[in-house]
Amino acid sequence: MVTVGPVGVESPDRLYTVIGGRRGVDVALDPVSLVVAESGPSPDMQSEHVDILRLCARPVAVVELAARLGLPLSVVRILLGDLLDRGAVIARHPVPPINGEGTRNDPETLKQVLHALQRL
């Protein structure tokens, strides 16, 4: 008997098979990390790896890859970990904040920039 689920929802069994039963990756990939392909697909790659490499011809965020592939973010992270290990992709992580407040620039600098732009 074949069980039919909602459209666009992957079977947990298929996802388990795609990632080989693995639960995580050694490399921490932020959802907004940009990924870009460094090489083309090879004949021994899974179809999901090939799809990722094609989508990464230009830099693309990890979360956007998950959306385009229709796969959970956790599965895409594992697949990207495989490609990172092979050197097939590189990832650029978001720039961390400079100060502890979570902002990259202090408000005074931003005000000065705004005033300078208004004077143009």
Protein backbone atom coordinates (compact mmCIF):
# COMPACT_ATOMS: atom_id res chain seq x y z
CA MET A 1 0.00 0.00 0.00
CA VAL A 2 1.36 3.43 -0.98
CA THR A 3 0.80 6.29 1.44
CA VAL A 4 0.26 9.66 -0.17
CA GLY A 5 1.11 12.74 1.90
CA PRO A 6 0.70 16.45 1.29
CA VAL A 7 2.20 17.81 -1.91
CA GLY A 8 5.78 19.07 -1.50
CA VAL A 9 6.42 17.15 1.74
CA GLU A 10 9.27 14.66 1.53
CA SER A 11 8.89 11.24 3.08
CA PRO A 12 10.99 10.91 6.25
CA ASP A 13 12.27 7.58 4.89
CA ARG A 14 13.51 9.23 1.70
CA LEU A 15 15.21 12.05 3.64
CA TYR A 16 16.87 9.48 5.90
CA THR A 17 18.19 7.71 2.81
CA VAL A 18 19.39 10.96 1.18
CA ILE A 19 21.55 11.87 4.16
CA GLY A 20 22.63 8.32 4.94
CA GLY A 21 21.16 8.40 8.44
CA ARG A 22 23.48 11.19 9.59
CA ARG A 23 22.18 13.71 12.11
CA GLY A 24 24.51 16.70 11.84
CA VAL A 25 27.59 18.22 10.27
CA ASP A 26 31.01 19.14 11.63
CA VAL A 27 30.88 22.55 9.96
CA ALA A 28 28.49 25.11 11.43
CA LEU A 29 26.55 26.63 8.55
CA ASP A 30 24.49 29.68 9.38
CA PRO A 31 21.21 29.87 7.43
CA VAL A 32 22.39 33.12 5.83
CA SER A 33 25.87 31.84 4.92
CA LEU A 34 26.51 32.27 1.21
CA VAL A 35 27.55 29.17 -0.70
CA VAL A 36 29.13 29.10 -4.15
CA ALA A 37 30.23 26.15 -6.30
CA GLU A 38 33.94 25.67 -6.87
CA SER A 39 33.59 22.76 -9.29
CA GLY A 40 31.01 21.02 -11.40
CA PRO A 41 29.17 17.81 -10.55
CA SER A 42 30.89 14.47 -10.91
CA PRO A 43 29.28 11.18 -12.01
CA ASP A 44 29.51 9.63 -8.53
CA MET A 45 27.44 12.36 -6.82
CA GLN A 46 23.89 12.02 -5.54
CA SER A 47 21.28 13.90 -7.53
CA GLU A 48 20.76 16.27 -4.57
CA HIS A 49 24.46 17.19 -4.61
CA VAL A 50 24.23 17.87 -8.34
CA ASP A 51 21.16 20.07 -7.81
CA ILE A 52 22.97 22.06 -5.12
CA LEU A 53 26.00 22.62 -7.35
CA ARG A 54 23.80 23.86 -10.18
CA LEU A 55 21.98 26.27 -7.86
CA CYS A 56 25.29 27.51 -6.45
CA ALA A 57 26.69 28.74 -9.76
CA ARG A 58 26.20 32.16 -8.15
CA PRO A 59 26.36 32.80 -4.39
CA VAL A 60 23.19 31.66 -2.67
CA ALA A 61 22.18 31.53 1.01
CA VAL A 62 21.82 28.15 2.72
CA VAL A 63 18.20 28.89 3.62
CA GLU A 64 17.43 29.82 0.00
CA LEU A 65 18.93 26.53 -1.17
CA ALA A 66 16.64 24.66 1.21
CA ALA A 67 13.63 26.55 -0.12
CA ARG A 68 14.53 25.99 -3.78
CA LEU A 69 15.24 22.29 -3.23
CA GLY A 70 12.12 21.79 -1.11
CA LEU A 71 14.21 20.08 1.58
CA PRO A 72 14.49 20.78 5.31
CA LEU A 73 17.33 23.10 6.31
CA SER A 74 18.94 20.34 8.41
CA VAL A 75 19.13 18.03 5.38
CA VAL A 76 20.61 20.76 3.17
CA ARG A 77 23.25 21.50 5.82
CA ILE A 78 24.32 17.85 5.83
CA LEU A 79 24.48 17.73 2.02
CA LEU A 80 26.48 20.98 1.98
CA GLY A 81 28.84 19.47 4.56
CA ASP A 82 29.53 16.65 2.09
CA LEU A 83 30.26 19.15 -0.68
CA LEU A 84 32.46 21.27 1.59
CA ASP A 85 34.49 18.18 2.51
CA ARG A 86 35.00 17.45 -1.20
CA GLY A 87 36.00 21.04 -1.93
CA ALA A 88 33.10 21.33 -4.39
CA VAL A 89 31.68 24.43 -2.67
CA ILE A 90 32.90 27.19 -0.41
CA ALA A 91 30.86 28.99 2.22
CA ARG A 92 31.11 32.60 3.29
CA HIS A 93 29.79 33.11 6.76
CA PRO A 94 28.06 36.33 7.83
CA VAL A 95 30.30 38.96 9.40
CA PRO A 96 29.92 38.87 13.17
CA PRO A 97 29.13 42.09 15.02
CA ILE A 98 32.09 44.09 16.25
CA ASN A 99 30.65 45.11 19.59
CA GLY A 100 28.56 43.10 22.02
CA GLU A 101 25.35 44.99 21.24
CA GLY A 102 24.72 43.15 17.99
CA THR A 103 25.34 46.19 15.80
CA ARG A 104 28.22 46.65 13.45
CA ASN A 105 28.39 50.44 13.75
CA ASP A 106 27.64 52.70 16.63
CA PRO A 107 24.68 55.11 16.33
CA GLU A 108 26.92 58.19 16.25
CA THR A 109 28.78 56.97 13.17
CA LEU A 110 25.49 56.15 11.47
CA LYS A 111 24.19 59.67 12.19
CA GLN A 112 27.33 61.20 10.68
CA VAL A 113 26.93 59.09 7.56
CA LEU A 114 23.26 60.08 7.28
CA HIS A 115 24.08 63.80 7.60
CA ALA A 116 26.84 63.49 5.00
CA LEU A 117 24.45 61.78 2.58
CA GLN A 118 21.79 64.44 3.14
CA ARG A 119 24.30 67.17 2.26
CA LEU A 120 24.99 65.61 -1.15
